Every structure is written in structure tokens, then in C-alpha cells.
N, C-alpha and C. Protein backbone atom coordinates (compact mmCIF):
# COMPACT_ATOMS: atom_id res chain seq x y z
N MET A 1 -11.15 -11.60 5.69
CA MET A 1 -10.80 -10.77 4.95
C MET A 1 -10.96 -10.34 4.15
N GLU A 2 -11.78 -9.58 3.65
CA GLU A 2 -11.70 -9.46 1.80
C GLU A 2 -9.79 -8.75 1.61
N ARG A 3 -9.20 -8.87 0.60
CA ARG A 3 -7.59 -7.81 0.45
C ARG A 3 -8.16 -7.48 -1.04
N SER A 4 -7.67 -6.53 -0.87
CA SER A 4 -7.83 -5.40 -2.36
C SER A 4 -6.31 -4.84 -2.88
N LEU A 5 -5.51 -4.99 -3.54
CA LEU A 5 -4.49 -4.53 -4.01
C LEU A 5 -5.06 -2.31 -4.41
N THR A 6 -3.90 -1.66 -3.79
CA THR A 6 -4.20 -0.66 -3.56
C THR A 6 -3.22 0.26 -4.36
N ALA A 7 -1.83 -0.56 -3.85
CA ALA A 7 -0.56 0.39 -4.45
C ALA A 7 0.44 -0.45 -4.69
N ILE A 8 1.79 -0.46 -5.12
CA ILE A 8 2.30 -1.16 -5.89
C ILE A 8 3.67 -0.13 -5.96
N THR A 9 5.04 -0.31 -5.27
CA THR A 9 6.03 0.29 -5.59
C THR A 9 7.38 -0.45 -5.85
N ARG A 10 8.25 0.18 -6.09
CA ARG A 10 9.49 -1.01 -6.35
C ARG A 10 10.61 -0.96 -5.18
N LEU A 11 11.27 -1.41 -5.23
CA LEU A 11 12.49 -0.98 -3.69
C LEU A 11 13.38 -2.03 -4.20
N ASN A 12 14.74 -1.66 -5.06
CA ASN A 12 15.93 -2.63 -4.86
C ASN A 12 15.43 -3.41 -6.22
N GLY A 13 14.67 -3.28 -6.90
CA GLY A 13 14.35 -4.31 -8.23
C GLY A 13 13.30 -5.27 -7.76
N PHE A 14 13.08 -5.04 -6.52
CA PHE A 14 11.74 -5.84 -6.47
C PHE A 14 10.51 -4.96 -5.85
N LEU A 15 9.02 -6.03 -6.24
CA LEU A 15 7.95 -4.87 -6.17
C LEU A 15 7.50 -5.13 -4.69
N ILE A 16 7.05 -3.97 -3.70
CA ILE A 16 6.28 -4.01 -2.44
C ILE A 16 4.60 -3.78 -3.39
N HIS A 17 3.92 -4.71 -2.54
CA HIS A 17 2.43 -4.91 -2.74
C HIS A 17 1.66 -4.33 -1.40
N TYR A 18 0.85 -3.45 -1.74
CA TYR A 18 0.11 -3.19 -0.39
C TYR A 18 -1.22 -3.18 -0.50
N TYR A 19 -1.61 -3.74 0.28
CA TYR A 19 -3.32 -4.16 0.36
C TYR A 19 -4.04 -3.58 1.79
N LEU A 20 -5.47 -3.16 1.36
CA LEU A 20 -6.32 -2.99 1.81
C LEU A 20 -7.31 -4.15 2.58
N LEU A 21 -7.43 -4.61 3.87
CA LEU A 21 -7.96 -5.28 4.18
C LEU A 21 -9.86 -5.10 4.79
N ARG A 22 -10.62 -6.02 4.50
CA ARG A 22 -11.99 -5.21 4.68
C ARG A 22 -12.47 -6.76 5.39
N ASP A 23 -12.67 -6.34 6.63
CA ASP A 23 -13.80 -7.34 7.18
C ASP A 23 -14.79 -7.44 6.96
N ARG A 24 -15.59 -8.92 6.53
CA ARG A 24 -16.88 -9.11 5.87
C ARG A 24 -18.07 -8.86 6.83
N CYS A 25 -17.72 -9.31 7.99
CA CYS A 25 -18.67 -8.78 9.11
C CYS A 25 -19.17 -7.52 9.90
N GLY A 26 -18.30 -6.64 9.41
CA GLY A 26 -18.76 -5.39 9.93
C GLY A 26 -17.70 -3.97 9.48
N PRO A 27 -17.82 -2.87 9.80
CA PRO A 27 -17.20 -1.65 9.30
C PRO A 27 -15.74 -2.10 10.23
N SER A 28 -14.74 -2.40 9.58
CA SER A 28 -13.16 -3.17 10.16
C SER A 28 -12.43 -2.90 9.29
N TYR A 29 -11.35 -2.32 8.63
CA TYR A 29 -10.35 -2.09 7.99
C TYR A 29 -8.86 -1.75 8.52
N GLY A 30 -8.32 -3.17 7.38
CA GLY A 30 -7.01 -3.09 7.84
C GLY A 30 -6.17 -3.18 6.71
N LEU A 31 -4.73 -3.62 7.11
CA LEU A 31 -3.47 -3.39 5.64
C LEU A 31 -2.70 -4.75 6.12
N ALA A 32 -2.10 -4.67 4.67
CA ALA A 32 -0.77 -5.90 4.65
C ALA A 32 0.07 -5.51 3.66
N VAL A 33 1.34 -5.73 4.10
CA VAL A 33 2.57 -5.35 2.92
C VAL A 33 3.26 -6.29 2.82
N SER A 34 3.26 -6.63 1.59
CA SER A 34 4.15 -7.82 0.99
C SER A 34 5.48 -7.47 0.04
N TYR A 35 6.75 -7.88 0.81
CA TYR A 35 8.19 -7.85 0.06
C TYR A 35 8.50 -8.94 -0.04
N ARG A 36 8.96 -9.58 -0.75
CA ARG A 36 10.08 -10.52 -1.50
C ARG A 36 9.89 -11.66 -0.26
N GLY A 37 8.54 -12.84 -0.63
CA GLY A 37 8.03 -13.49 0.51
C GLY A 37 7.91 -13.03 1.61
N GLU A 38 7.89 -12.02 2.22
CA GLU A 38 7.44 -11.41 3.48
C GLU A 38 6.08 -10.68 3.62
N GLU A 39 5.41 -10.90 4.68
CA GLU A 39 4.38 -10.28 4.82
C GLU A 39 4.04 -9.74 6.51
N ALA A 40 3.22 -8.89 6.23
CA ALA A 40 3.38 -7.92 7.47
C ALA A 40 1.37 -7.41 7.44
N VAL A 41 0.33 -7.81 8.38
CA VAL A 41 -0.81 -7.90 8.25
C VAL A 41 -1.04 -7.30 9.42
N PHE A 42 -2.07 -6.13 9.41
CA PHE A 42 -2.25 -5.18 10.18
C PHE A 42 -4.40 -5.43 10.36
N SER A 43 -4.88 -5.92 11.21
CA SER A 43 -6.47 -5.88 11.05
C SER A 43 -6.94 -4.80 11.85
N ASP A 44 -8.17 -4.44 12.20
CA ASP A 44 -8.72 -4.16 12.71
C ASP A 44 -7.80 -2.63 13.25
N LEU A 45 -7.60 -2.06 12.06
CA LEU A 45 -6.95 -0.46 12.56
C LEU A 45 -8.06 0.52 12.80
N ALA A 46 -9.02 0.18 11.79
CA ALA A 46 -10.06 1.55 11.87
C ALA A 46 -11.15 1.15 11.16
N VAL A 47 -12.00 1.95 12.03
CA VAL A 47 -13.60 1.82 10.91
C VAL A 47 -13.93 2.63 10.01
N SER A 48 -12.72 3.34 9.86
CA SER A 48 -12.72 4.34 8.30
C SER A 48 -11.98 3.83 7.12
N GLU A 49 -12.40 3.43 6.19
CA GLU A 49 -11.61 2.89 4.77
C GLU A 49 -10.97 4.25 4.24
N GLY A 50 -11.64 5.40 4.63
CA GLY A 50 -10.63 6.23 3.76
C GLY A 50 -9.15 6.41 4.71
N ALA A 51 -9.35 6.57 6.15
CA ALA A 51 -8.11 6.72 6.61
C ALA A 51 -6.99 5.62 6.45
N VAL A 52 -7.29 4.33 6.33
CA VAL A 52 -6.95 3.38 5.94
C VAL A 52 -5.88 3.47 4.70
N ARG A 53 -6.71 3.91 3.70
CA ARG A 53 -6.12 4.15 2.38
C ARG A 53 -5.04 5.36 1.96
N GLU A 54 -5.30 6.26 3.11
CA GLU A 54 -4.38 7.22 3.46
C GLU A 54 -2.79 7.02 3.70
N LEU A 55 -3.29 6.24 4.79
CA LEU A 55 -1.95 5.16 5.39
C LEU A 55 -1.56 4.66 4.53
N LEU A 56 -1.78 3.76 3.57
CA LEU A 56 -1.15 2.88 2.20
C LEU A 56 -0.60 3.43 1.71
N ALA A 57 -1.61 4.73 0.93
CA ALA A 57 -0.96 5.66 0.03
C ALA A 57 0.49 6.25 0.48
N ALA A 58 0.55 6.83 2.11
CA ALA A 58 2.08 7.17 2.34
C ALA A 58 3.13 6.06 2.66
N MET A 59 2.06 5.16 2.98
CA MET A 59 3.40 3.56 3.04
C MET A 59 4.11 3.80 1.82
N GLY A 60 3.05 3.56 0.43
CA GLY A 60 3.63 2.92 -0.83
C GLY A 60 4.85 4.49 -0.92
N ARG A 61 4.43 5.61 -1.04
CA ARG A 61 5.07 6.62 -1.44
C ARG A 61 6.46 6.43 -0.31
N GLY A 62 6.55 6.06 0.73
CA GLY A 62 7.54 5.56 1.48
C GLY A 62 8.58 4.65 1.44
N SER A 63 7.93 3.89 0.36
CA SER A 63 8.23 2.56 0.06
C SER A 63 8.20 1.50 1.35
N VAL A 64 7.59 1.32 2.32
CA VAL A 64 7.71 0.73 3.60
C VAL A 64 7.54 -1.04 3.21
N THR A 65 8.56 -1.39 4.13
CA THR A 65 8.17 -2.65 4.05
C THR A 65 8.10 -3.54 5.19
N PRO A 66 7.51 -4.55 5.56
CA PRO A 66 6.92 -5.64 6.07
C PRO A 66 7.77 -5.36 7.14
N ALA A 67 9.44 -5.36 6.77
CA ALA A 67 10.56 -5.24 8.44
C ALA A 67 9.90 -4.10 9.08
N THR A 68 9.82 -2.79 8.21
CA THR A 68 9.54 -1.31 8.97
C THR A 68 8.05 -0.93 9.30
N ALA A 69 6.67 -2.14 8.73
CA ALA A 69 5.68 -1.26 8.61
C ALA A 69 4.98 -0.97 10.18
N ARG A 70 5.37 -2.46 11.37
CA ARG A 70 4.77 -2.08 12.01
C ARG A 70 5.18 -1.01 13.23
N ASP A 71 6.09 -0.33 12.56
CA ASP A 71 6.79 1.03 13.48
C ASP A 71 5.93 2.52 13.16
N ILE A 72 5.46 1.83 11.32
CA ILE A 72 4.90 2.93 11.08
C ILE A 72 3.37 3.13 11.15
N VAL A 73 2.74 1.90 11.49
CA VAL A 73 1.22 1.52 12.25
C VAL A 73 1.59 2.34 12.85
N GLU A 74 1.78 1.62 14.23
CA GLU A 74 2.21 2.04 15.94
C GLU A 74 2.52 3.56 15.93
N ASP A 75 2.91 4.07 14.94
CA ASP A 75 2.77 5.51 15.24
C ASP A 75 1.75 6.32 14.70
N TRP A 76 1.33 5.76 13.60
CA TRP A 76 -0.07 6.25 12.90
C TRP A 76 -1.33 6.21 13.84
N LEU A 77 -1.16 4.81 14.89
CA LEU A 77 -2.34 4.85 15.74
C LEU A 77 -2.52 6.09 16.58
N LEU A 78 -1.25 6.16 17.25
CA LEU A 78 -0.65 7.18 18.63
C LEU A 78 -0.94 8.52 17.79
N ARG A 79 -1.39 9.31 16.43
CA ARG A 79 -1.35 10.02 16.23
C ARG A 79 -2.87 11.08 16.80
């Protein structure tokens, strides 16, 4: 998976990093959220880069951390 930083937000004085993940073998995208040494990684979420970028932008606006990312991703998948 290729990883590219798409957003950074600050929470309690620490930075949250949001990454777009791209499968090198085909059109599959995921995301990663990193905060204070924790990381949550979700691969193969969609075949649309734009859809995952929109999710990452919303997560950044909401200061979503790795601890809460799973709930957000699961809700997004069920929409």
C-alpha cells in the first residue's frame, strides 16, 4: 500500500495525521489515522479515491483519533 498524508489536525497539543492508502495492484483505497503513537489502518474501503478523501476530510474536521476511527469507518460503510 502506498501512503500519502492528506490532513493534519491538532488535539490536546498533539498532531493527528490522516493518510490515504492506495493499493499498488489495483483500484482500492483505504485510510490510516495516527495519533500519539497509536495508529488505526483500514484497507480496501472503496474503489473511489474521492470517496475515501471525503471521509478523511470529515475525520480531520472532527478530530477523529485512532481510538474512535473504527466506529466512524463502520458507520461510513453502512451509509
